ModelCIF file with pLDDT and N, C-alpha, C, O atoms, coordinates in Angstrom:
data_MODEL
#
_entry.id   MODEL 
#
_entity.id                         1 
_entity.type                       polymer 
_entity.pdbx_number_of_molecules   1 
#
_entity_poly.entity_id                      1 
_entity_poly.type                           'polypeptide(L)' 
_entity_poly.nstd_linkage                   no 
_entity_poly.nstd_monomer                   no 
_entity_poly.pdbx_seq_one_letter_code       
;(UNK)(UNK)(UNK)(UNK)(UNK)(UNK)(UNK)(UNK)(UNK)(UNK)(UNK)(UNK)(UNK)(UNK)(UNK)(UNK)
(UNK)(UNK)(UNK)(UNK)(UNK)(UNK)(UNK)(UNK)(UNK)(UNK)(UNK)(UNK)(UNK)(UNK)(UNK)(UNK)
(UNK)(UNK)(UNK)(UNK)(UNK)(UNK)(UNK)(UNK)(UNK)(UNK)(UNK)(UNK)(UNK)
;
_entity_poly.pdbx_seq_one_letter_code_can   XXXXXXXXXXXXXXXXXXXXXXXXXXXXXXXXXXXXXXXXXXXXX 
_entity_poly.pdbx_strand_id                 A 
#
loop_
_entity_poly_seq.entity_id 
_entity_poly_seq.num 
_entity_poly_seq.mon_id 
_entity_poly_seq.hetero 
1 1  UNK n 
1 2  UNK n 
1 3  UNK n 
1 4  UNK n 
1 5  UNK n 
1 6  UNK n 
1 7  UNK n 
1 8  UNK n 
1 9  UNK n 
1 10 UNK n 
1 11 UNK n 
1 12 UNK n 
1 13 UNK n 
1 14 UNK n 
1 15 UNK n 
1 16 UNK n 
1 17 UNK n 
1 18 UNK n 
1 19 UNK n 
1 20 UNK n 
1 21 UNK n 
1 22 UNK n 
1 23 UNK n 
1 24 UNK n 
1 25 UNK n 
1 26 UNK n 
1 27 UNK n 
1 28 UNK n 
1 29 UNK n 
1 30 UNK n 
1 31 UNK n 
1 32 UNK n 
1 33 UNK n 
1 34 UNK n 
1 35 UNK n 
1 36 UNK n 
1 37 UNK n 
1 38 UNK n 
1 39 UNK n 
1 40 UNK n 
1 41 UNK n 
1 42 UNK n 
1 43 UNK n 
1 44 UNK n 
1 45 UNK n 
#
_struct_asym.id          A 
_struct_asym.entity_id   1 
#
loop_
_ma_qa_metric.id 
_ma_qa_metric.mode 
_ma_qa_metric.name 
_ma_qa_metric.software_group_id 
_ma_qa_metric.type 
1 global pLDDT . pLDDT 
2 local  pLDDT . pLDDT 
#
_ma_qa_metric_global.metric_id      1 
_ma_qa_metric_global.metric_value   86.78 
_ma_qa_metric_global.model_id       1 
_ma_qa_metric_global.ordinal_id     1 
#
loop_
_ma_qa_metric_local.label_asym_id 
_ma_qa_metric_local.label_comp_id 
_ma_qa_metric_local.label_seq_id 
_ma_qa_metric_local.metric_id 
_ma_qa_metric_local.metric_value 
_ma_qa_metric_local.model_id 
_ma_qa_metric_local.ordinal_id 
A UNK 1  2 92.00 1 1  
A UNK 2  2 92.00 1 2  
A UNK 3  2 88.00 1 3  
A UNK 4  2 84.00 1 4  
A UNK 5  2 85.00 1 5  
A UNK 6  2 82.00 1 6  
A UNK 7  2 83.00 1 7  
A UNK 8  2 86.00 1 8  
A UNK 9  2 89.00 1 9  
A UNK 10 2 91.00 1 10 
A UNK 11 2 91.00 1 11 
A UNK 12 2 91.00 1 12 
A UNK 13 2 92.00 1 13 
A UNK 14 2 93.00 1 14 
A UNK 15 2 91.00 1 15 
A UNK 16 2 92.00 1 16 
A UNK 17 2 93.00 1 17 
A UNK 18 2 90.00 1 18 
A UNK 19 2 92.00 1 19 
A UNK 20 2 91.00 1 20 
A UNK 21 2 93.00 1 21 
A UNK 22 2 94.00 1 22 
A UNK 23 2 95.00 1 23 
A UNK 24 2 94.00 1 24 
A UNK 25 2 93.00 1 25 
A UNK 26 2 87.00 1 26 
A UNK 27 2 78.00 1 27 
A UNK 28 2 64.00 1 28 
A UNK 29 2 65.00 1 29 
A UNK 30 2 73.00 1 30 
A UNK 31 2 81.00 1 31 
A UNK 32 2 80.00 1 32 
A UNK 33 2 86.00 1 33 
A UNK 34 2 88.00 1 34 
A UNK 35 2 87.00 1 35 
A UNK 36 2 84.00 1 36 
A UNK 37 2 86.00 1 37 
A UNK 38 2 91.00 1 38 
A UNK 39 2 92.00 1 39 
A UNK 40 2 92.00 1 40 
A UNK 41 2 90.00 1 41 
A UNK 42 2 91.00 1 42 
A UNK 43 2 85.00 1 43 
A UNK 44 2 81.00 1 44 
A UNK 45 2 67.00 1 45 
#
loop_
_atom_site.group_PDB 
_atom_site.id 
_atom_site.type_symbol 
_atom_site.label_atom_id 
_atom_site.label_alt_id 
_atom_site.label_comp_id 
_atom_site.label_asym_id 
_atom_site.label_entity_id 
_atom_site.label_seq_id 
_atom_site.pdbx_PDB_ins_code 
_atom_site.Cartn_x 
_atom_site.Cartn_y 
_atom_site.Cartn_z 
_atom_site.occupancy 
_atom_site.B_iso_or_equiv 
_atom_site.pdbx_formal_charge 
_atom_site.auth_seq_id 
_atom_site.auth_comp_id 
_atom_site.auth_asym_id 
_atom_site.auth_atom_id 
_atom_site.pdbx_PDB_model_num 
ATOM 1   N N  . UNK A 1 1  ? -11.502 -3.325  5.908   1.00 92.00 ? 1  UNK A N  1 
ATOM 2   C CA . UNK A 1 1  ? -11.554 -1.975  5.464   1.00 92.00 ? 1  UNK A CA 1 
ATOM 3   C C  . UNK A 1 1  ? -11.007 -0.586  6.223   1.00 92.00 ? 1  UNK A C  1 
ATOM 4   O O  . UNK A 1 1  ? -11.471 -0.127  7.266   1.00 92.00 ? 1  UNK A O  1 
ATOM 5   N N  . UNK A 1 2  ? -10.110 -0.137  5.584   1.00 92.00 ? 2  UNK A N  1 
ATOM 6   C CA . UNK A 1 2  ? -9.485  0.765   6.342   1.00 92.00 ? 2  UNK A CA 1 
ATOM 7   C C  . UNK A 1 2  ? -9.753  2.346   5.637   1.00 92.00 ? 2  UNK A C  1 
ATOM 8   O O  . UNK A 1 2  ? -9.400  2.553   4.476   1.00 92.00 ? 2  UNK A O  1 
ATOM 9   N N  . UNK A 1 3  ? -10.266 3.183   6.283   1.00 88.00 ? 3  UNK A N  1 
ATOM 10  C CA . UNK A 1 3  ? -10.511 4.568   5.954   1.00 88.00 ? 3  UNK A CA 1 
ATOM 11  C C  . UNK A 1 3  ? -9.882  5.640   6.171   1.00 88.00 ? 3  UNK A C  1 
ATOM 12  O O  . UNK A 1 3  ? -8.924  5.495   6.931   1.00 88.00 ? 3  UNK A O  1 
ATOM 13  N N  . UNK A 1 4  ? -10.116 7.014   5.662   1.00 84.00 ? 4  UNK A N  1 
ATOM 14  C CA . UNK A 1 4  ? -9.313  7.976   6.058   1.00 84.00 ? 4  UNK A CA 1 
ATOM 15  C C  . UNK A 1 4  ? -8.075  8.038   6.048   1.00 84.00 ? 4  UNK A C  1 
ATOM 16  O O  . UNK A 1 4  ? -7.575  8.856   6.819   1.00 84.00 ? 4  UNK A O  1 
ATOM 17  N N  . UNK A 1 5  ? -7.206  7.251   5.231   1.00 85.00 ? 5  UNK A N  1 
ATOM 18  C CA . UNK A 1 5  ? -5.934  7.055   5.053   1.00 85.00 ? 5  UNK A CA 1 
ATOM 19  C C  . UNK A 1 5  ? -5.229  7.893   4.370   1.00 85.00 ? 5  UNK A C  1 
ATOM 20  O O  . UNK A 1 5  ? -5.596  8.058   3.206   1.00 85.00 ? 5  UNK A O  1 
ATOM 21  N N  . UNK A 1 6  ? -4.180  8.572   4.792   1.00 82.00 ? 6  UNK A N  1 
ATOM 22  C CA . UNK A 1 6  ? -3.228  9.335   4.044   1.00 82.00 ? 6  UNK A CA 1 
ATOM 23  C C  . UNK A 1 6  ? -2.245  8.565   3.389   1.00 82.00 ? 6  UNK A C  1 
ATOM 24  O O  . UNK A 1 6  ? -2.227  7.370   3.686   1.00 82.00 ? 6  UNK A O  1 
ATOM 25  N N  . UNK A 1 7  ? -1.378  8.992   2.521   1.00 83.00 ? 7  UNK A N  1 
ATOM 26  C CA . UNK A 1 7  ? -0.204  8.017   1.812   1.00 83.00 ? 7  UNK A CA 1 
ATOM 27  C C  . UNK A 1 7  ? 0.571   7.406   3.052   1.00 83.00 ? 7  UNK A C  1 
ATOM 28  O O  . UNK A 1 7  ? 0.888   6.220   2.965   1.00 83.00 ? 7  UNK A O  1 
ATOM 29  N N  . UNK A 1 8  ? 0.949   8.201   4.347   1.00 86.00 ? 8  UNK A N  1 
ATOM 30  C CA . UNK A 1 8  ? 1.798   7.613   5.241   1.00 86.00 ? 8  UNK A CA 1 
ATOM 31  C C  . UNK A 1 8  ? 1.117   6.241   5.948   1.00 86.00 ? 8  UNK A C  1 
ATOM 32  O O  . UNK A 1 8  ? 1.711   5.232   6.329   1.00 86.00 ? 8  UNK A O  1 
ATOM 33  N N  . UNK A 1 9  ? -0.303  6.534   5.996   1.00 89.00 ? 9  UNK A N  1 
ATOM 34  C CA . UNK A 1 9  ? -1.190  5.839   6.692   1.00 89.00 ? 9  UNK A CA 1 
ATOM 35  C C  . UNK A 1 9  ? -1.164  4.413   5.924   1.00 89.00 ? 9  UNK A C  1 
ATOM 36  O O  . UNK A 1 9  ? -1.162  3.338   6.525   1.00 89.00 ? 9  UNK A O  1 
ATOM 37  N N  . UNK A 1 10 ? -1.142  4.551   4.479   1.00 91.00 ? 10 UNK A N  1 
ATOM 38  C CA . UNK A 1 10 ? -1.359  3.232   3.953   1.00 91.00 ? 10 UNK A CA 1 
ATOM 39  C C  . UNK A 1 10 ? -0.017  2.396   3.899   1.00 91.00 ? 10 UNK A C  1 
ATOM 40  O O  . UNK A 1 10 ? -0.036  1.170   3.790   1.00 91.00 ? 10 UNK A O  1 
ATOM 41  N N  . UNK A 1 11 ? 1.197   3.162   3.986   1.00 91.00 ? 11 UNK A N  1 
ATOM 42  C CA . UNK A 1 11 ? 2.434   2.382   4.243   1.00 91.00 ? 11 UNK A CA 1 
ATOM 43  C C  . UNK A 1 11 ? 2.532   1.690   5.526   1.00 91.00 ? 11 UNK A C  1 
ATOM 44  O O  . UNK A 1 11 ? 3.036   0.576   5.668   1.00 91.00 ? 11 UNK A O  1 
ATOM 45  N N  . UNK A 1 12 ? 1.929   2.541   6.627   1.00 91.00 ? 12 UNK A N  1 
ATOM 46  C CA . UNK A 1 12 ? 1.967   1.979   7.946   1.00 91.00 ? 12 UNK A CA 1 
ATOM 47  C C  . UNK A 1 12 ? 0.892   0.464   8.157   1.00 91.00 ? 12 UNK A C  1 
ATOM 48  O O  . UNK A 1 12 ? 1.110   -0.541  8.833   1.00 91.00 ? 12 UNK A O  1 
ATOM 49  N N  . UNK A 1 13 ? -0.257  0.805   7.309   1.00 92.00 ? 13 UNK A N  1 
ATOM 50  C CA . UNK A 1 13 ? -1.174  -0.352  7.192   1.00 92.00 ? 13 UNK A CA 1 
ATOM 51  C C  . UNK A 1 13 ? -0.430  -1.393  6.734   1.00 92.00 ? 13 UNK A C  1 
ATOM 52  O O  . UNK A 1 13 ? -0.195  -2.329  7.500   1.00 92.00 ? 13 UNK A O  1 
ATOM 53  N N  . UNK A 1 14 ? 0.107   -1.396  5.286   1.00 93.00 ? 14 UNK A N  1 
ATOM 54  C CA . UNK A 1 14 ? 0.633   -2.520  4.663   1.00 93.00 ? 14 UNK A CA 1 
ATOM 55  C C  . UNK A 1 14 ? 1.954   -2.940  5.341   1.00 93.00 ? 14 UNK A C  1 
ATOM 56  O O  . UNK A 1 14 ? 2.314   -4.108  5.196   1.00 93.00 ? 14 UNK A O  1 
ATOM 57  N N  . UNK A 1 15 ? 2.757   -2.032  6.117   1.00 91.00 ? 15 UNK A N  1 
ATOM 58  C CA . UNK A 1 15 ? 3.750   -2.729  7.107   1.00 91.00 ? 15 UNK A CA 1 
ATOM 59  C C  . UNK A 1 15 ? 3.226   -3.619  8.202   1.00 91.00 ? 15 UNK A C  1 
ATOM 60  O O  . UNK A 1 15 ? 3.978   -4.456  8.702   1.00 91.00 ? 15 UNK A O  1 
ATOM 61  N N  . UNK A 1 16 ? 1.950   -3.484  8.615   1.00 92.00 ? 16 UNK A N  1 
ATOM 62  C CA . UNK A 1 16 ? 1.571   -4.131  9.881   1.00 92.00 ? 16 UNK A CA 1 
ATOM 63  C C  . UNK A 1 16 ? 0.725   -5.068  9.576   1.00 92.00 ? 16 UNK A C  1 
ATOM 64  O O  . UNK A 1 16 ? -0.036  -5.377  10.493  1.00 92.00 ? 16 UNK A O  1 
ATOM 65  N N  . UNK A 1 17 ? 0.585   -5.710  8.437   1.00 93.00 ? 17 UNK A N  1 
ATOM 66  C CA . UNK A 1 17 ? -0.125  -6.766  8.196   1.00 93.00 ? 17 UNK A CA 1 
ATOM 67  C C  . UNK A 1 17 ? 0.645   -7.984  8.331   1.00 93.00 ? 17 UNK A C  1 
ATOM 68  O O  . UNK A 1 17 ? 1.801   -8.011  7.910   1.00 93.00 ? 17 UNK A O  1 
ATOM 69  N N  . UNK A 1 18 ? 0.165   -8.898  8.827   1.00 90.00 ? 18 UNK A N  1 
ATOM 70  C CA . UNK A 1 18 ? 0.867   -10.122 9.349   1.00 90.00 ? 18 UNK A CA 1 
ATOM 71  C C  . UNK A 1 18 ? 0.878   -10.936 8.593   1.00 90.00 ? 18 UNK A C  1 
ATOM 72  O O  . UNK A 1 18 ? 1.923   -11.579 8.693   1.00 90.00 ? 18 UNK A O  1 
ATOM 73  N N  . UNK A 1 19 ? 0.024   -11.411 7.572   1.00 92.00 ? 19 UNK A N  1 
ATOM 74  C CA . UNK A 1 19 ? -0.048  -12.492 6.643   1.00 92.00 ? 19 UNK A CA 1 
ATOM 75  C C  . UNK A 1 19 ? 0.592   -12.006 5.512   1.00 92.00 ? 19 UNK A C  1 
ATOM 76  O O  . UNK A 1 19 ? -0.052  -11.191 4.852   1.00 92.00 ? 19 UNK A O  1 
ATOM 77  N N  . UNK A 1 20 ? 1.799   -12.332 5.093   1.00 91.00 ? 20 UNK A N  1 
ATOM 78  C CA . UNK A 1 20 ? 2.831   -11.963 4.104   1.00 91.00 ? 20 UNK A CA 1 
ATOM 79  C C  . UNK A 1 20 ? 3.353   -13.166 3.353   1.00 91.00 ? 20 UNK A C  1 
ATOM 80  O O  . UNK A 1 20 ? 3.397   -14.283 3.868   1.00 91.00 ? 20 UNK A O  1 
ATOM 81  N N  . UNK A 1 21 ? 3.770   -12.891 2.050   1.00 93.00 ? 21 UNK A N  1 
ATOM 82  C CA . UNK A 1 21 ? 3.888   -11.524 1.738   1.00 93.00 ? 21 UNK A CA 1 
ATOM 83  C C  . UNK A 1 21 ? 2.792   -10.888 1.052   1.00 93.00 ? 21 UNK A C  1 
ATOM 84  O O  . UNK A 1 21 ? 1.999   -11.634 0.476   1.00 93.00 ? 21 UNK A O  1 
ATOM 85  N N  . UNK A 1 22 ? 2.566   -9.387  1.001   1.00 94.00 ? 22 UNK A N  1 
ATOM 86  C CA . UNK A 1 22 ? 1.544   -8.523  0.857   1.00 94.00 ? 22 UNK A CA 1 
ATOM 87  C C  . UNK A 1 22 ? 1.720   -8.105  -0.499  1.00 94.00 ? 22 UNK A C  1 
ATOM 88  O O  . UNK A 1 22 ? 2.805   -7.784  -0.983  1.00 94.00 ? 22 UNK A O  1 
ATOM 89  N N  . UNK A 1 23 ? 0.539   -8.120  -1.144  1.00 95.00 ? 23 UNK A N  1 
ATOM 90  C CA . UNK A 1 23 ? 0.502   -7.666  -2.761  1.00 95.00 ? 23 UNK A CA 1 
ATOM 91  C C  . UNK A 1 23 ? -0.464  -6.349  -2.621  1.00 95.00 ? 23 UNK A C  1 
ATOM 92  O O  . UNK A 1 23 ? -1.635  -6.419  -2.247  1.00 95.00 ? 23 UNK A O  1 
ATOM 93  N N  . UNK A 1 24 ? 0.225   -5.113  -2.986  1.00 94.00 ? 24 UNK A N  1 
ATOM 94  C CA . UNK A 1 24 ? -0.949  -3.916  -2.839  1.00 94.00 ? 24 UNK A CA 1 
ATOM 95  C C  . UNK A 1 24 ? -1.141  -3.417  -4.469  1.00 94.00 ? 24 UNK A C  1 
ATOM 96  O O  . UNK A 1 24 ? -0.229  -3.309  -5.288  1.00 94.00 ? 24 UNK A O  1 
ATOM 97  N N  . UNK A 1 25 ? -2.444  -3.175  -4.674  1.00 93.00 ? 25 UNK A N  1 
ATOM 98  C CA . UNK A 1 25 ? -2.639  -2.623  -6.089  1.00 93.00 ? 25 UNK A CA 1 
ATOM 99  C C  . UNK A 1 25 ? -3.233  -1.250  -5.813  1.00 93.00 ? 25 UNK A C  1 
ATOM 100 O O  . UNK A 1 25 ? -4.049  -1.052  -4.913  1.00 93.00 ? 25 UNK A O  1 
ATOM 101 N N  . UNK A 1 26 ? -2.779  -0.313  -6.639  1.00 87.00 ? 26 UNK A N  1 
ATOM 102 C CA . UNK A 1 26 ? -3.305  1.055   -6.711  1.00 87.00 ? 26 UNK A CA 1 
ATOM 103 C C  . UNK A 1 26 ? -2.871  1.939   -7.718  1.00 87.00 ? 26 UNK A C  1 
ATOM 104 O O  . UNK A 1 26 ? -2.215  1.335   -8.567  1.00 87.00 ? 26 UNK A O  1 
ATOM 105 N N  . UNK A 1 27 ? -2.993  3.162   -7.946  1.00 78.00 ? 27 UNK A N  1 
ATOM 106 C CA . UNK A 1 27 ? -2.900  4.042   -8.876  1.00 78.00 ? 27 UNK A CA 1 
ATOM 107 C C  . UNK A 1 27 ? -2.587  5.600   -8.185  1.00 78.00 ? 27 UNK A C  1 
ATOM 108 O O  . UNK A 1 27 ? -2.958  5.894   -7.049  1.00 78.00 ? 27 UNK A O  1 
ATOM 109 N N  . UNK A 1 28 ? -1.944  6.394   -8.960  1.00 64.00 ? 28 UNK A N  1 
ATOM 110 C CA . UNK A 1 28 ? -1.713  7.821   -8.809  1.00 64.00 ? 28 UNK A CA 1 
ATOM 111 C C  . UNK A 1 28 ? -0.420  7.982   -7.707  1.00 64.00 ? 28 UNK A C  1 
ATOM 112 O O  . UNK A 1 28 ? 0.156   7.113   -7.053  1.00 64.00 ? 28 UNK A O  1 
ATOM 113 N N  . UNK A 1 29 ? -0.233  9.270   -7.767  1.00 65.00 ? 29 UNK A N  1 
ATOM 114 C CA . UNK A 1 29 ? 1.129   9.592   -6.879  1.00 65.00 ? 29 UNK A CA 1 
ATOM 115 C C  . UNK A 1 29 ? 0.822   9.158   -5.438  1.00 65.00 ? 29 UNK A C  1 
ATOM 116 O O  . UNK A 1 29 ? 1.754   8.717   -4.766  1.00 65.00 ? 29 UNK A O  1 
ATOM 117 N N  . UNK A 1 30 ? -0.418  9.249   -4.906  1.00 73.00 ? 30 UNK A N  1 
ATOM 118 C CA . UNK A 1 30 ? -0.668  8.948   -3.564  1.00 73.00 ? 30 UNK A CA 1 
ATOM 119 C C  . UNK A 1 30 ? -0.467  7.605   -3.078  1.00 73.00 ? 30 UNK A C  1 
ATOM 120 O O  . UNK A 1 30 ? -0.369  7.274   -1.897  1.00 73.00 ? 30 UNK A O  1 
ATOM 121 N N  . UNK A 1 31 ? -0.404  6.689   -4.329  1.00 81.00 ? 31 UNK A N  1 
ATOM 122 C CA . UNK A 1 31 ? -0.167  5.380   -3.878  1.00 81.00 ? 31 UNK A CA 1 
ATOM 123 C C  . UNK A 1 31 ? 1.320   5.025   -3.952  1.00 81.00 ? 31 UNK A C  1 
ATOM 124 O O  . UNK A 1 31 ? 1.797   4.059   -3.356  1.00 81.00 ? 31 UNK A O  1 
ATOM 125 N N  . UNK A 1 32 ? 2.000   5.839   -4.695  1.00 80.00 ? 32 UNK A N  1 
ATOM 126 C CA . UNK A 1 32 ? 3.272   5.432   -5.076  1.00 80.00 ? 32 UNK A CA 1 
ATOM 127 C C  . UNK A 1 32 ? 4.169   4.830   -3.680  1.00 80.00 ? 32 UNK A C  1 
ATOM 128 O O  . UNK A 1 32 ? 4.862   3.818   -3.784  1.00 80.00 ? 32 UNK A O  1 
ATOM 129 N N  . UNK A 1 33 ? 4.056   5.549   -2.471  1.00 86.00 ? 33 UNK A N  1 
ATOM 130 C CA . UNK A 1 33 ? 4.791   4.914   -1.464  1.00 86.00 ? 33 UNK A CA 1 
ATOM 131 C C  . UNK A 1 33 ? 4.487   3.571   -0.858  1.00 86.00 ? 33 UNK A C  1 
ATOM 132 O O  . UNK A 1 33 ? 5.265   2.768   -0.344  1.00 86.00 ? 33 UNK A O  1 
ATOM 133 N N  . UNK A 1 34 ? 3.097   3.500   -1.043  1.00 88.00 ? 34 UNK A N  1 
ATOM 134 C CA . UNK A 1 34 ? 2.542   2.011   -0.366  1.00 88.00 ? 34 UNK A CA 1 
ATOM 135 C C  . UNK A 1 34 ? 3.122   0.875   -1.233  1.00 88.00 ? 34 UNK A C  1 
ATOM 136 O O  . UNK A 1 34 ? 3.560   -0.196  -0.811  1.00 88.00 ? 34 UNK A O  1 
ATOM 137 N N  . UNK A 1 35 ? 3.040   1.360   -2.750  1.00 87.00 ? 35 UNK A N  1 
ATOM 138 C CA . UNK A 1 35 ? 3.495   0.301   -3.851  1.00 87.00 ? 35 UNK A CA 1 
ATOM 139 C C  . UNK A 1 35 ? 4.889   -0.150  -3.640  1.00 87.00 ? 35 UNK A C  1 
ATOM 140 O O  . UNK A 1 35 ? 5.324   -1.296  -3.759  1.00 87.00 ? 35 UNK A O  1 
ATOM 141 N N  . UNK A 1 36 ? 5.529   0.942   -3.303  1.00 84.00 ? 36 UNK A N  1 
ATOM 142 C CA . UNK A 1 36 ? 7.024   0.706   -3.019  1.00 84.00 ? 36 UNK A CA 1 
ATOM 143 C C  . UNK A 1 36 ? 7.335   -0.190  -1.915  1.00 84.00 ? 36 UNK A C  1 
ATOM 144 O O  . UNK A 1 36 ? 8.180   -1.080  -2.007  1.00 84.00 ? 36 UNK A O  1 
ATOM 145 N N  . UNK A 1 37 ? 6.529   0.090   -0.686  1.00 86.00 ? 37 UNK A N  1 
ATOM 146 C CA . UNK A 1 37 ? 6.670   -0.574  0.719   1.00 86.00 ? 37 UNK A CA 1 
ATOM 147 C C  . UNK A 1 37 ? 6.045   -2.219  0.523   1.00 86.00 ? 37 UNK A C  1 
ATOM 148 O O  . UNK A 1 37 ? 6.602   -3.153  1.099   1.00 86.00 ? 37 UNK A O  1 
ATOM 149 N N  . UNK A 1 38 ? 5.246   -2.355  -0.056  1.00 91.00 ? 38 UNK A N  1 
ATOM 150 C CA . UNK A 1 38 ? 4.527   -3.666  -0.188  1.00 91.00 ? 38 UNK A CA 1 
ATOM 151 C C  . UNK A 1 38 ? 5.382   -4.533  -0.843  1.00 91.00 ? 38 UNK A C  1 
ATOM 152 O O  . UNK A 1 38 ? 6.194   -4.061  -1.639  1.00 91.00 ? 38 UNK A O  1 
ATOM 153 N N  . UNK A 1 39 ? 5.331   -5.790  -0.629  1.00 92.00 ? 39 UNK A N  1 
ATOM 154 C CA . UNK A 1 39 ? 6.028   -6.847  -1.044  1.00 92.00 ? 39 UNK A CA 1 
ATOM 155 C C  . UNK A 1 39 ? 6.043   -6.840  -2.684  1.00 92.00 ? 39 UNK A C  1 
ATOM 156 O O  . UNK A 1 39 ? 7.058   -6.901  -3.376  1.00 92.00 ? 39 UNK A O  1 
ATOM 157 N N  . UNK A 1 40 ? 4.922   -6.766  -3.070  1.00 92.00 ? 40 UNK A N  1 
ATOM 158 C CA . UNK A 1 40 ? 4.623   -6.366  -4.704  1.00 92.00 ? 40 UNK A CA 1 
ATOM 159 C C  . UNK A 1 40 ? 3.814   -5.467  -4.794  1.00 92.00 ? 40 UNK A C  1 
ATOM 160 O O  . UNK A 1 40 ? 2.763   -5.492  -4.153  1.00 92.00 ? 40 UNK A O  1 
ATOM 161 N N  . UNK A 1 41 ? 4.132   -4.509  -5.593  1.00 90.00 ? 41 UNK A N  1 
ATOM 162 C CA . UNK A 1 41 ? 3.183   -3.416  -5.869  1.00 90.00 ? 41 UNK A CA 1 
ATOM 163 C C  . UNK A 1 41 ? 2.655   -3.415  -7.250  1.00 90.00 ? 41 UNK A C  1 
ATOM 164 O O  . UNK A 1 41 ? 3.466   -3.418  -8.177  1.00 90.00 ? 41 UNK A O  1 
ATOM 165 N N  . UNK A 1 42 ? 1.443   -3.411  -7.479  1.00 91.00 ? 42 UNK A N  1 
ATOM 166 C CA . UNK A 1 42 ? 0.915   -3.753  -8.683  1.00 91.00 ? 42 UNK A CA 1 
ATOM 167 C C  . UNK A 1 42 ? 0.278   -2.087  -9.079  1.00 91.00 ? 42 UNK A C  1 
ATOM 168 O O  . UNK A 1 42 ? -0.560  -1.581  -8.332  1.00 91.00 ? 42 UNK A O  1 
ATOM 169 N N  . UNK A 1 43 ? 0.752   -1.399  -10.232 1.00 85.00 ? 43 UNK A N  1 
ATOM 170 C CA . UNK A 1 43 ? 0.209   -0.161  -10.599 1.00 85.00 ? 43 UNK A CA 1 
ATOM 171 C C  . UNK A 1 43 ? -1.008  -0.134  -11.781 1.00 85.00 ? 43 UNK A C  1 
ATOM 172 O O  . UNK A 1 43 ? -0.898  -0.772  -12.827 1.00 85.00 ? 43 UNK A O  1 
ATOM 173 N N  . UNK A 1 44 ? -2.131  0.664   -11.469 1.00 81.00 ? 44 UNK A N  1 
ATOM 174 C CA . UNK A 1 44 ? -2.955  0.496   -12.753 1.00 81.00 ? 44 UNK A CA 1 
ATOM 175 C C  . UNK A 1 44 ? -2.571  1.652   -13.451 1.00 81.00 ? 44 UNK A C  1 
ATOM 176 O O  . UNK A 1 44 ? -3.143  2.734   -13.311 1.00 81.00 ? 44 UNK A O  1 
ATOM 177 N N  . UNK A 1 45 ? -1.310  1.391   -14.442 1.00 67.00 ? 45 UNK A N  1 
ATOM 178 C CA . UNK A 1 45 ? -0.771  2.622   -15.228 1.00 67.00 ? 45 UNK A CA 1 
ATOM 179 C C  . UNK A 1 45 ? -1.457  2.801   -16.483 1.00 67.00 ? 45 UNK A C  1 
ATOM 180 O O  . UNK A 1 45 ? -1.150  3.732   -17.227 1.00 67.00 ? 45 UNK A O  1 
#
């Protein structure tokens, strides 16, 4: 569980996860960077 994350913090968190590939699930503009950075980004569209 990672709290108090700004968009850049989410990107850093996903980039530093060691068990890969990483799938990120999110919604909204604030999740767009981390969805693009993940190996797979899933958007609640």
